[in-house]
Amino acid sequence: MSVIINSYNNVVSSFFGAKFQKNVEEILVSPTPPSLIVLGYTIGGVIRGILVGILVIAISLFFTKLEVYNFPMLIATVFLSSLLFSIGGFLNALYAKKFDDVTIIPTFILTPLTYLGGVFYSIQMLPPFWQNVSKLNPILYMVNSFRYGFLGISDIHPWFALSMIGAATLFFYILSVYLLKKGIGIRN
């Protein structure tokens, strides 16, 4: 949770702050392509998210022993989840017109999706209809990838879950570049 929250918050606050103070205009008139602008903000969010995640793990090691079942899966999941939420923060910052708009997505979309993403239960416990509905939730795939990385247990095939996170990340990246290129949320 700390990784995705910090990845998201870093980008949404940085880009919206630049937009609010009109600093983003300097970036937009430069010859920097929109893909690099999105990538730059996104990498900043990924670095912050991963650093916070490392700090949380380091502190937790004072209290418990950490066992990892599949380290490469865990690293890939942390990176892709951080990347996805950084891009999500960028999209939120593009559309935000005031500071209150920055908190709408985390409060009314991300929090419910997190609780409905199988964090506290296995989706196998749900009736078949709700299992299929849960599979539309991208956070379900992150939760199952993390669960597999630590415990070796997953409701969904772990490589499929990882590919779904990657596909969502690519989709949101392309969408962010397109919206920035069109000036959506930037030009009045």
C-alpha atoms as a PDB file:
ATOM      1  CA  MET A   1       0.000   0.000   0.000  1.00  0.00           C
ATOM      2  CA  SER A   2       2.767   2.445   0.846  1.00  0.00           C
ATOM      3  CA  VAL A   3       4.377   1.910  -2.568  1.00  0.00           C
ATOM      4  CA  ILE A   4       1.257   2.603  -4.600  1.00  0.00           C
ATOM      5  CA  ILE A   5       0.049   5.483  -2.423  1.00  0.00           C
ATOM      6  CA  ASN A   6       3.399   7.271  -2.535  1.00  0.00           C
ATOM      7  CA  SER A   7       3.840   6.652  -6.262  1.00  0.00           C
ATOM      8  CA  TYR A   8       0.409   8.091  -6.916  1.00  0.00           C
ATOM      9  CA  ASN A   9       0.702  11.046  -4.532  1.00  0.00           C
ATOM     10  CA  ASN A  10       4.160  12.053  -5.745  1.00  0.00           C
ATOM     11  CA  VAL A  11       3.052  12.465  -9.345  1.00  0.00           C
ATOM     12  CA  VAL A  12      -0.367  13.967  -8.696  1.00  0.00           C
ATOM     13  CA  SER A  13       1.037  16.578  -6.310  1.00  0.00           C
ATOM     14  CA  SER A  14       4.077  17.383  -8.480  1.00  0.00           C
ATOM     15  CA  PHE A  15       2.214  17.768 -11.748  1.00  0.00           C
ATOM     16  CA  PHE A  16      -0.840  19.484 -10.284  1.00  0.00           C
ATOM     17  CA  GLY A  17       1.437  21.841  -8.327  1.00  0.00           C
ATOM     18  CA  ALA A  18       3.278  22.720 -11.542  1.00  0.00           C
ATOM     19  CA  LYS A  19      -0.052  23.200 -13.295  1.00  0.00           C
ATOM     20  CA  PHE A  20      -1.462  25.338 -10.467  1.00  0.00           C
ATOM     21  CA  GLN A  21       1.632  27.575 -10.315  1.00  0.00           C
ATOM     22  CA  LYS A  22       1.789  27.711 -14.139  1.00  0.00           C
ATOM     23  CA  ASN A  23       5.300  26.162 -14.149  1.00  0.00           C
ATOM     24  CA  VAL A  24       4.088  23.435 -16.486  1.00  0.00           C
ATOM     25  CA  GLU A  25       3.852  26.018 -19.277  1.00  0.00           C
ATOM     26  CA  GLU A  26       7.646  26.189 -19.401  1.00  0.00           C
ATOM     27  CA  ILE A  27       7.823  22.438 -19.937  1.00  0.00           C
ATOM     28  CA  LEU A  28       5.100  22.500 -22.581  1.00  0.00           C
ATOM     29  CA  VAL A  29       6.797  25.179 -24.716  1.00  0.00           C
ATOM     30  CA  SER A  30      10.113  23.320 -24.607  1.00  0.00           C
ATOM     31  CA  PRO A  31      10.938  20.848 -27.394  1.00  0.00           C
ATOM     32  CA  THR A  32      10.412  17.972 -24.949  1.00  0.00           C
ATOM     33  CA  PRO A  33       7.938  15.454 -26.414  1.00  0.00           C
ATOM     34  CA  PRO A  34       4.849  14.601 -24.320  1.00  0.00           C
ATOM     35  CA  SER A  35       6.035  11.006 -23.933  1.00  0.00           C
ATOM     36  CA  LEU A  36       9.161  12.190 -22.091  1.00  0.00           C
ATOM     37  CA  ILE A  37       7.186  14.587 -19.900  1.00  0.00           C
ATOM     38  CA  VAL A  38       4.902  11.753 -18.807  1.00  0.00           C
ATOM     39  CA  LEU A  39       7.876   9.422 -18.389  1.00  0.00           C
ATOM     40  CA  GLY A  40       9.792  11.975 -16.305  1.00  0.00           C
ATOM     41  CA  TYR A  41       6.980  12.558 -13.831  1.00  0.00           C
ATOM     42  CA  THR A  42       6.221   8.844 -13.756  1.00  0.00           C
ATOM     43  CA  ILE A  43       9.798   7.803 -12.997  1.00  0.00           C
ATOM     44  CA  GLY A  44       9.855  10.318 -10.139  1.00  0.00           C
ATOM     45  CA  GLY A  45       6.766   8.645  -8.686  1.00  0.00           C
ATOM     46  CA  VAL A  46       8.215   5.165  -9.160  1.00  0.00           C
ATOM     47  CA  ILE A  47      11.442   6.102  -7.393  1.00  0.00           C
ATOM     48  CA  ARG A  48       9.585   7.631  -4.457  1.00  0.00           C
ATOM     49  CA  GLY A  49       7.209   4.671  -4.195  1.00  0.00           C
ATOM     50  CA  ILE A  50      10.001   2.108  -4.262  1.00  0.00           C
ATOM     51  CA  LEU A  51      12.132   4.049  -1.756  1.00  0.00           C
ATOM     52  CA  VAL A  52       9.198   4.248   0.654  1.00  0.00           C
ATOM     53  CA  GLY A  53       8.547   0.531   0.129  1.00  0.00           C
ATOM     54  CA  ILE A  54      12.179  -0.279   0.938  1.00  0.00           C
ATOM     55  CA  LEU A  55      11.971   1.879   4.065  1.00  0.00           C
ATOM     56  CA  VAL A  56       8.784   0.127   5.222  1.00  0.00           C
ATOM     57  CA  ILE A  57      10.368  -3.300   4.634  1.00  0.00           C
ATOM     58  CA  ALA A  58      13.535  -2.257   6.492  1.00  0.00           C
ATOM     59  CA  ILE A  59      11.538  -1.074   9.504  1.00  0.00           C
ATOM     60  CA  SER A  60       9.351  -4.185   9.486  1.00  0.00           C
ATOM     61  CA  LEU A  61      12.443  -6.404   9.667  1.00  0.00           C
ATOM     62  CA  PHE A  62      12.964  -5.187  13.243  1.00  0.00           C
ATOM     63  CA  PHE A  63       9.654  -6.802  14.197  1.00  0.00           C
ATOM     64  CA  THR A  64       9.304  -9.893  12.031  1.00  0.00           C
ATOM     65  CA  LYS A  65      11.130 -12.259   9.741  1.00  0.00           C
ATOM     66  CA  LEU A  66      10.322 -11.706   6.080  1.00  0.00           C
ATOM     67  CA  GLU A  67      10.083 -14.742   3.836  1.00  0.00           C
ATOM     68  CA  VAL A  68       9.750 -14.321   0.089  1.00  0.00           C
ATOM     69  CA  TYR A  69       8.517 -17.163  -2.116  1.00  0.00           C
ATOM     70  CA  ASN A  70       9.321 -15.689  -5.546  1.00  0.00           C
ATOM     71  CA  PHE A  71      11.637 -12.677  -5.463  1.00  0.00           C
ATOM     72  CA  PRO A  72      11.600 -11.847  -9.237  1.00  0.00           C
ATOM     73  CA  MET A  73       7.781 -11.866  -9.232  1.00  0.00           C
ATOM     74  CA  LEU A  74       7.750  -9.593  -6.198  1.00  0.00           C
ATOM     75  CA  ILE A  75      10.195  -7.099  -7.742  1.00  0.00           C
ATOM     76  CA  ALA A  76       8.286  -7.055 -11.049  1.00  0.00           C
ATOM     77  CA  THR A  77       4.990  -6.533  -9.226  1.00  0.00           C
ATOM     78  CA  VAL A  78       6.350  -3.694  -7.104  1.00  0.00           C
ATOM     79  CA  PHE A  79       7.819  -1.974 -10.156  1.00  0.00           C
ATOM     80  CA  LEU A  80       4.757  -2.367 -12.390  1.00  0.00           C
ATOM     81  CA  SER A  81       2.306  -1.424  -9.625  1.00  0.00           C
ATOM     82  CA  SER A  82       4.341   1.653  -8.800  1.00  0.00           C
ATOM     83  CA  LEU A  83       4.506   2.552 -12.485  1.00  0.00           C
ATOM     84  CA  LEU A  84       0.758   2.071 -12.940  1.00  0.00           C
ATOM     85  CA  PHE A  85      -0.150   4.242  -9.971  1.00  0.00           C
ATOM     86  CA  SER A  86       2.350   6.924 -10.974  1.00  0.00           C
ATOM     87  CA  ILE A  87       0.685   7.165 -14.364  1.00  0.00           C
ATOM     88  CA  GLY A  88      -2.712   7.156 -12.631  1.00  0.00           C
ATOM     89  CA  GLY A  89      -1.541  10.121 -10.559  1.00  0.00           C
ATOM     90  CA  PHE A  90      -0.518  11.903 -13.746  1.00  0.00           C
ATOM     91  CA  LEU A  91      -3.958  11.341 -15.266  1.00  0.00           C
ATOM     92  CA  ASN A  92      -5.635  12.632 -12.107  1.00  0.00           C
ATOM     93  CA  ALA A  93      -3.405  15.727 -12.132  1.00  0.00           C
ATOM     94  CA  LEU A  94      -4.263  16.396 -15.785  1.00  0.00           C
ATOM     95  CA  TYR A  95      -7.972  16.541 -15.049  1.00  0.00           C
ATOM     96  CA  ALA A  96      -7.774  18.256 -11.634  1.00  0.00           C
ATOM     97  CA  LYS A  97      -8.850  21.890 -11.679  1.00  0.00           C
ATOM     98  CA  LYS A  98      -8.563  22.573  -7.946  1.00  0.00           C
ATOM     99  CA  PHE A  99      -6.886  20.934  -4.968  1.00  0.00           C
ATOM    100  CA  ASP A 100     -10.047  19.073  -3.984  1.00  0.00           C
ATOM    101  CA  ASP A 101     -10.051  17.280  -7.346  1.00  0.00           C
ATOM    102  CA  VAL A 102      -6.735  15.637  -6.459  1.00  0.00           C
ATOM    103  CA  THR A 103      -8.363  13.671  -3.617  1.00  0.00           C
ATOM    104  CA  ILE A 104     -11.475  12.483  -5.466  1.00  0.00           C
ATOM    105  CA  ILE A 105      -9.843   9.509  -7.227  1.00  0.00           C
ATOM    106  CA  PRO A 106      -8.021   8.108  -4.161  1.00  0.00           C
ATOM    107  CA  THR A 107     -11.039   8.543  -1.908  1.00  0.00           C
ATOM    108  CA  PHE A 108     -13.906   7.401  -4.095  1.00  0.00           C
ATOM    109  CA  ILE A 109     -12.248   5.030  -6.566  1.00  0.00           C
ATOM    110  CA  LEU A 110      -8.939   3.631  -5.289  1.00  0.00           C
ATOM    111  CA  THR A 111      -9.997   2.951  -1.698  1.00  0.00           C
ATOM    112  CA  PRO A 112     -13.122   0.947  -2.643  1.00  0.00           C
ATOM    113  CA  LEU A 113     -11.219  -0.916  -5.387  1.00  0.00           C
ATOM    114  CA  THR A 114      -8.540  -1.812  -2.845  1.00  0.00           C
ATOM    115  CA  TYR A 115     -11.038  -3.275  -0.398  1.00  0.00           C
ATOM    116  CA  LEU A 116     -12.864  -5.105  -3.201  1.00  0.00           C
ATOM    117  CA  GLY A 117      -9.612  -6.384  -4.736  1.00  0.00           C
ATOM    118  CA  GLY A 118      -9.205  -9.466  -2.594  1.00  0.00           C
ATOM    119  CA  VAL A 119      -6.842  -7.942  -0.036  1.00  0.00           C
ATOM    120  CA  PHE A 120      -8.667  -9.465   2.927  1.00  0.00           C
ATOM    121  CA  TYR A 121     -10.257 -12.488   1.263  1.00  0.00           C
ATOM    122  CA  SER A 122      -9.820 -14.921  -1.572  1.00  0.00           C
ATOM    123  CA  ILE A 123     -12.129 -14.335  -4.512  1.00  0.00           C
ATOM    124  CA  GLN A 124     -12.778 -18.098  -4.431  1.00  0.00           C
ATOM    125  CA  MET A 125     -15.045 -17.348  -1.450  1.00  0.00           C
ATOM    126  CA  LEU A 126     -17.345 -15.250  -3.658  1.00  0.00           C
ATOM    127  CA  PRO A 127     -20.252 -16.534  -5.754  1.00  0.00           C
ATOM    128  CA  PRO A 128     -19.320 -17.051  -9.438  1.00  0.00           C
ATOM    129  CA  PHE A 129     -21.001 -13.813 -10.560  1.00  0.00           C
ATOM    130  CA  TRP A 130     -18.999 -11.701  -8.078  1.00  0.00           C
ATOM    131  CA  GLN A 131     -15.797 -13.559  -8.949  1.00  0.00           C
ATOM    132  CA  ASN A 132     -16.224 -12.408 -12.545  1.00  0.00           C
ATOM    133  CA  VAL A 133     -17.014  -8.860 -11.425  1.00  0.00           C
ATOM    134  CA  SER A 134     -13.897  -8.875  -9.223  1.00  0.00           C
ATOM    135  CA  LYS A 135     -11.776  -9.828 -12.228  1.00  0.00           C
ATOM    136  CA  LEU A 136     -12.570  -6.400 -13.717  1.00  0.00           C
ATOM    137  CA  ASN A 137     -10.735  -4.776 -10.792  1.00  0.00           C
ATOM    138  CA  PRO A 138      -7.077  -4.094 -11.692  1.00  0.00           C
ATOM    139  CA  ILE A 139      -6.079  -4.063  -8.024  1.00  0.00           C
ATOM    140  CA  LEU A 140      -7.085  -7.739  -7.786  1.00  0.00           C
ATOM    141  CA  TYR A 141      -4.188  -8.599 -10.097  1.00  0.00           C
ATOM    142  CA  MET A 142      -1.719  -6.573  -8.022  1.00  0.00           C
ATOM    143  CA  VAL A 143      -2.889  -8.185  -4.795  1.00  0.00           C
ATOM    144  CA  ASN A 144      -2.570 -11.677  -6.248  1.00  0.00           C
ATOM    145  CA  SER A 145       0.877 -10.969  -7.696  1.00  0.00           C
ATOM    146  CA  PHE A 146       2.063  -9.693  -4.313  1.00  0.00           C
ATOM    147  CA  ARG A 147       0.461 -12.646  -2.562  1.00  0.00           C
ATOM    148  CA  TYR A 148       2.200 -15.061  -4.911  1.00  0.00           C
ATOM    149  CA  GLY A 149       5.532 -13.271  -4.511  1.00  0.00           C
ATOM    150  CA  PHE A 150       5.398 -13.559  -0.727  1.00  0.00           C
ATOM    151  CA  LEU A 151       3.387 -16.727  -0.088  1.00  0.00           C
ATOM    152  CA  GLY A 152       3.297 -18.692  -3.337  1.00  0.00           C
ATOM    153  CA  ILE A 153      -0.525 -18.570  -3.274  1.00  0.00           C
ATOM    154  CA  SER A 154      -2.733 -16.814  -5.827  1.00  0.00           C
ATOM    155  CA  ASP A 155      -6.353 -16.900  -6.991  1.00  0.00           C
ATOM    156  CA  ILE A 156      -5.203 -16.015 -10.500  1.00  0.00           C
ATOM    157  CA  HIS A 157      -2.221 -17.380 -12.413  1.00  0.00           C
ATOM    158  CA  PRO A 158       0.609 -15.059 -11.313  1.00  0.00           C
ATOM    159  CA  TRP A 159       2.043 -14.453 -14.770  1.00  0.00           C
ATOM    160  CA  PHE A 160      -1.411 -13.610 -16.110  1.00  0.00           C
ATOM    161  CA  ALA A 161      -1.868 -11.181 -13.213  1.00  0.00           C
ATOM    162  CA  LEU A 162       1.488  -9.578 -13.979  1.00  0.00           C
ATOM    163  CA  SER A 163       0.618  -9.281 -17.666  1.00  0.00           C
ATOM    164  CA  MET A 164      -2.690  -7.605 -16.767  1.00  0.00           C
ATOM    165  CA  ILE A 165      -0.832  -5.038 -14.653  1.00  0.00           C
ATOM    166  CA  GLY A 166       1.555  -4.471 -17.560  1.00  0.00           C
ATOM    167  CA  ALA A 167      -1.299  -4.079 -20.045  1.00  0.00           C
ATOM    168  CA  ALA A 168      -3.091  -1.578 -17.784  1.00  0.00           C
ATOM    169  CA  THR A 169       0.167   0.345 -17.345  1.00  0.00           C
ATOM    170  CA  LEU A 170       0.762   0.520 -21.089  1.00  0.00           C
ATOM    171  CA  PHE A 171      -2.840   1.603 -21.733  1.00  0.00           C
ATOM    172  CA  PHE A 172      -2.680   4.405 -19.150  1.00  0.00           C
ATOM    173  CA  TYR A 173       0.723   5.541 -20.427  1.00  0.00           C
ATOM    174  CA  ILE A 174      -0.537   5.807 -24.010  1.00  0.00           C
ATOM    175  CA  LEU A 175      -3.668   7.596 -22.768  1.00  0.00           C
ATOM    176  CA  SER A 176      -1.580  10.064 -20.722  1.00  0.00           C
ATOM    177  CA  VAL A 177       0.676  10.889 -23.671  1.00  0.00           C
ATOM    178  CA  TYR A 178      -2.344  11.320 -25.950  1.00  0.00           C
ATOM    179  CA  LEU A 179      -4.162  13.613 -23.500  1.00  0.00           C
ATOM    180  CA  LEU A 180      -1.049  15.693 -22.868  1.00  0.00           C
ATOM    181  CA  LYS A 181      -0.415  15.994 -26.616  1.00  0.00           C
ATOM    182  CA  LYS A 182      -4.015  17.171 -27.128  1.00  0.00           C
ATOM    183  CA  GLY A 183      -3.710  19.620 -24.227  1.00  0.00           C
ATOM    184  CA  ILE A 184      -6.555  18.074 -22.245  1.00  0.00           C
ATOM    185  CA  GLY A 185      -6.530  19.552 -18.751  1.00  0.00           C
ATOM    186  CA  ILE A 186      -3.641  21.874 -19.613  1.00  0.00           C
ATOM    187  CA  ARG A 187      -5.057  24.417 -22.018  1.00  0.00           C
ATOM    188  CA  ASN A 188      -8.147  26.323 -20.991  1.00  0.00           C
END
